[in-house]
Amino acid sequence: MLRMLAVVLLALAVCSPVLAGGAAAPKMRMTDVSPATIQGSGFAPREIIRLVLVAGGKSQAHRLLTTPAGKFSTAWKTVTVDLCASWQIKATGSKGSHAQLHSRPHPCPPPPPIE
């Protein structure tokens, strides 16, 4: 019995770093541009997150608490993100989580000619 316990403890000691490393990395995605709405996952459970949105030359911050599953959803009710312009969102967690989301360069159609 003592031998079996030692084997189980050794197996747990060997496997725990592998199991701990399998956690999802923090990530975010924009789900709407008007108002600017962000969802995040992979953060620590019940972690205080500071989100900073930089768009249109302005910076706005939010603080929120993640769910027990490490997720969140928030909206900047007065902010509309222009997909043709540059924007960036940074998340910094109180337990060390970090994530960043930013615009990708893509061509926007030119405005129609004025006649």
C-alpha atoms as a PDB file:
ATOM      1  CA  MET A   1       0.000   0.000   0.000  1.00  0.00           C
ATOM      2  CA  LEU A   2       2.821   2.388   0.863  1.00  0.00           C
ATOM      3  CA  ARG A   3       4.524   1.569  -2.436  1.00  0.00           C
ATOM      4  CA  MET A   4       1.327   2.347  -4.398  1.00  0.00           C
ATOM      5  CA  LEU A   5       0.987   5.704  -2.618  1.00  0.00           C
ATOM      6  CA  ALA A   6       4.596   6.545  -3.474  1.00  0.00           C
ATOM      7  CA  VAL A   7       3.963   5.700  -7.157  1.00  0.00           C
ATOM      8  CA  VAL A   8       0.848   7.886  -7.273  1.00  0.00           C
ATOM      9  CA  LEU A   9       2.658  10.814  -5.628  1.00  0.00           C
ATOM     10  CA  LEU A  10       5.582  10.462  -8.033  1.00  0.00           C
ATOM     11  CA  ALA A  11       3.212  10.400 -11.017  1.00  0.00           C
ATOM     12  CA  LEU A  12       1.482  13.557  -9.779  1.00  0.00           C
ATOM     13  CA  ALA A  13       4.809  15.306  -9.271  1.00  0.00           C
ATOM     14  CA  VAL A  14       5.946  14.435 -12.788  1.00  0.00           C
ATOM     15  CA  CYS A  15       2.646  15.303 -14.508  1.00  0.00           C
ATOM     16  CA  SER A  16       1.671  18.478 -12.635  1.00  0.00           C
ATOM     17  CA  PRO A  17       3.951  20.850 -14.620  1.00  0.00           C
ATOM     18  CA  VAL A  18       2.573  19.446 -17.866  1.00  0.00           C
ATOM     19  CA  LEU A  19      -1.026  19.779 -16.691  1.00  0.00           C
ATOM     20  CA  ALA A  20      -0.463  23.308 -15.383  1.00  0.00           C
ATOM     21  CA  GLY A  21       1.139  24.378 -18.676  1.00  0.00           C
ATOM     22  CA  GLY A  22      -1.936  23.282 -20.590  1.00  0.00           C
ATOM     23  CA  ALA A  23      -3.996  26.269 -19.461  1.00  0.00           C
ATOM     24  CA  ALA A  24      -5.222  28.548 -22.224  1.00  0.00           C
ATOM     25  CA  ALA A  25      -3.318  31.790 -22.716  1.00  0.00           C
ATOM     26  CA  PRO A  26      -5.332  34.961 -22.116  1.00  0.00           C
ATOM     27  CA  LYS A  27      -6.960  36.268 -25.278  1.00  0.00           C
ATOM     28  CA  MET A  28      -9.532  38.836 -26.307  1.00  0.00           C
ATOM     29  CA  ARG A  29     -11.779  39.476 -29.281  1.00  0.00           C
ATOM     30  CA  MET A  30     -13.922  42.384 -30.395  1.00  0.00           C
ATOM     31  CA  THR A  31     -17.522  41.258 -30.780  1.00  0.00           C
ATOM     32  CA  ASP A  32     -19.016  44.606 -31.804  1.00  0.00           C
ATOM     33  CA  VAL A  33     -17.710  47.989 -32.930  1.00  0.00           C
ATOM     34  CA  SER A  34     -20.694  50.129 -31.883  1.00  0.00           C
ATOM     35  CA  PRO A  35     -20.520  50.217 -28.993  1.00  0.00           C
ATOM     36  CA  ALA A  36     -17.008  48.792 -28.725  1.00  0.00           C
ATOM     37  CA  THR A  37     -17.543  45.390 -27.067  1.00  0.00           C
ATOM     38  CA  ILE A  38     -14.774  43.032 -25.960  1.00  0.00           C
ATOM     39  CA  GLN A  39     -14.801  39.449 -24.694  1.00  0.00           C
ATOM     40  CA  GLY A  40     -11.857  37.837 -22.941  1.00  0.00           C
ATOM     41  CA  SER A  41     -10.983  34.309 -21.850  1.00  0.00           C
ATOM     42  CA  GLY A  42      -8.036  32.409 -20.405  1.00  0.00           C
ATOM     43  CA  PHE A  43      -7.485  34.887 -17.569  1.00  0.00           C
ATOM     44  CA  ALA A  44      -7.082  33.830 -13.942  1.00  0.00           C
ATOM     45  CA  PRO A  45     -10.339  33.140 -12.078  1.00  0.00           C
ATOM     46  CA  ARG A  46     -11.744  36.209 -10.301  1.00  0.00           C
ATOM     47  CA  GLU A  47      -8.856  38.362 -11.513  1.00  0.00           C
ATOM     48  CA  ILE A  48      -9.189  42.140 -11.587  1.00  0.00           C
ATOM     49  CA  ILE A  49      -8.494  43.242 -15.152  1.00  0.00           C
ATOM     50  CA  ARG A  50      -7.576  46.751 -16.276  1.00  0.00           C
ATOM     51  CA  LEU A  51      -8.541  47.265 -19.907  1.00  0.00           C
ATOM     52  CA  VAL A  52      -7.262  50.252 -21.848  1.00  0.00           C
ATOM     53  CA  LEU A  53      -8.792  51.063 -25.231  1.00  0.00           C
ATOM     54  CA  VAL A  54      -6.941  53.499 -27.476  1.00  0.00           C
ATOM     55  CA  ALA A  55      -8.952  54.586 -30.520  1.00  0.00           C
ATOM     56  CA  GLY A  56      -9.407  57.829 -32.385  1.00  0.00           C
ATOM     57  CA  GLY A  57      -6.580  59.472 -30.461  1.00  0.00           C
ATOM     58  CA  LYS A  58      -8.379  58.898 -27.141  1.00  0.00           C
ATOM     59  CA  SER A  59      -7.639  56.465 -24.328  1.00  0.00           C
ATOM     60  CA  GLN A  60     -10.330  54.999 -22.077  1.00  0.00           C
ATOM     61  CA  ALA A  61      -9.929  52.486 -19.245  1.00  0.00           C
ATOM     62  CA  HIS A  62     -12.203  49.930 -17.595  1.00  0.00           C
ATOM     63  CA  ARG A  63     -11.709  47.775 -14.519  1.00  0.00           C
ATOM     64  CA  LEU A  64     -13.607  44.527 -14.171  1.00  0.00           C
ATOM     65  CA  LEU A  65     -13.560  41.156 -12.444  1.00  0.00           C
ATOM     66  CA  THR A  66     -13.311  37.924 -14.403  1.00  0.00           C
ATOM     67  CA  THR A  67     -15.702  35.046 -13.808  1.00  0.00           C
ATOM     68  CA  PRO A  68     -14.621  31.891 -11.935  1.00  0.00           C
ATOM     69  CA  ALA A  69     -13.824  30.516 -15.420  1.00  0.00           C
ATOM     70  CA  GLY A  70     -11.482  33.463 -16.168  1.00  0.00           C
ATOM     71  CA  LYS A  71     -13.791  35.141 -18.718  1.00  0.00           C
ATOM     72  CA  PHE A  72     -15.208  38.635 -19.119  1.00  0.00           C
ATOM     73  CA  SER A  73     -17.313  40.745 -21.440  1.00  0.00           C
ATOM     74  CA  THR A  74     -17.516  44.529 -21.417  1.00  0.00           C
ATOM     75  CA  ALA A  75     -18.585  47.427 -23.605  1.00  0.00           C
ATOM     76  CA  TRP A  76     -17.537  51.045 -23.909  1.00  0.00           C
ATOM     77  CA  LYS A  77     -21.041  52.454 -24.387  1.00  0.00           C
ATOM     78  CA  THR A  78     -19.855  55.783 -25.776  1.00  0.00           C
ATOM     79  CA  VAL A  79     -17.141  54.443 -28.092  1.00  0.00           C
ATOM     80  CA  THR A  80     -17.495  53.313 -31.694  1.00  0.00           C
ATOM     81  CA  VAL A  81     -14.393  51.750 -33.237  1.00  0.00           C
ATOM     82  CA  ASP A  82     -13.593  52.687 -36.838  1.00  0.00           C
ATOM     83  CA  LEU A  83     -12.301  49.503 -38.447  1.00  0.00           C
ATOM     84  CA  CYS A  84     -10.411  51.562 -41.041  1.00  0.00           C
ATOM     85  CA  ALA A  85      -8.488  53.414 -38.312  1.00  0.00           C
ATOM     86  CA  SER A  86      -5.854  52.262 -35.844  1.00  0.00           C
ATOM     87  CA  TRP A  87      -7.015  50.998 -32.428  1.00  0.00           C
ATOM     88  CA  GLN A  88      -5.583  48.928 -29.586  1.00  0.00           C
ATOM     89  CA  ILE A  89      -6.798  47.244 -26.398  1.00  0.00           C
ATOM     90  CA  LYS A  90      -4.492  46.088 -23.600  1.00  0.00           C
ATOM     91  CA  ALA A  91      -5.572  43.927 -20.672  1.00  0.00           C
ATOM     92  CA  THR A  92      -3.461  43.701 -17.529  1.00  0.00           C
ATOM     93  CA  GLY A  93      -4.568  41.393 -14.741  1.00  0.00           C
ATOM     94  CA  SER A  94      -3.910  41.632 -11.018  1.00  0.00           C
ATOM     95  CA  LYS A  95      -2.675  38.012 -11.027  1.00  0.00           C
ATOM     96  CA  GLY A  96      -0.226  38.492 -13.889  1.00  0.00           C
ATOM     97  CA  SER A  97      -2.401  37.832 -16.946  1.00  0.00           C
ATOM     98  CA  HIS A  98      -1.746  39.959 -20.050  1.00  0.00           C
ATOM     99  CA  ALA A  99      -3.400  40.164 -23.446  1.00  0.00           C
ATOM    100  CA  GLN A 100      -3.435  42.610 -26.320  1.00  0.00           C
ATOM    101  CA  LEU A 101      -5.729  43.155 -29.276  1.00  0.00           C
ATOM    102  CA  HIS A 102      -5.148  45.650 -32.069  1.00  0.00           C
ATOM    103  CA  SER A 103      -6.316  46.646 -35.511  1.00  0.00           C
ATOM    104  CA  ARG A 104      -4.907  44.910 -38.524  1.00  0.00           C
ATOM    105  CA  PRO A 105      -3.869  46.949 -41.500  1.00  0.00           C
ATOM    106  CA  HIS A 106      -6.447  46.463 -44.217  1.00  0.00           C
ATOM    107  CA  PRO A 107      -7.492  48.638 -47.092  1.00  0.00           C
ATOM    108  CA  CYS A 108     -10.673  50.611 -46.738  1.00  0.00           C
ATOM    109  CA  PRO A 109     -12.473  51.771 -49.838  1.00  0.00           C
ATOM    110  CA  PRO A 110     -11.864  55.373 -50.812  1.00  0.00           C
ATOM    111  CA  PRO A 111     -14.790  57.732 -50.368  1.00  0.00           C
ATOM    112  CA  PRO A 112     -16.931  58.300 -53.412  1.00  0.00           C
ATOM    113  CA  PRO A 113     -15.983  61.268 -55.584  1.00  0.00           C
ATOM    114  CA  ILE A 114     -17.791  64.518 -54.916  1.00  0.00           C
ATOM    115  CA  GLU A 115     -19.537  65.832 -57.987  1.00  0.00           C
END
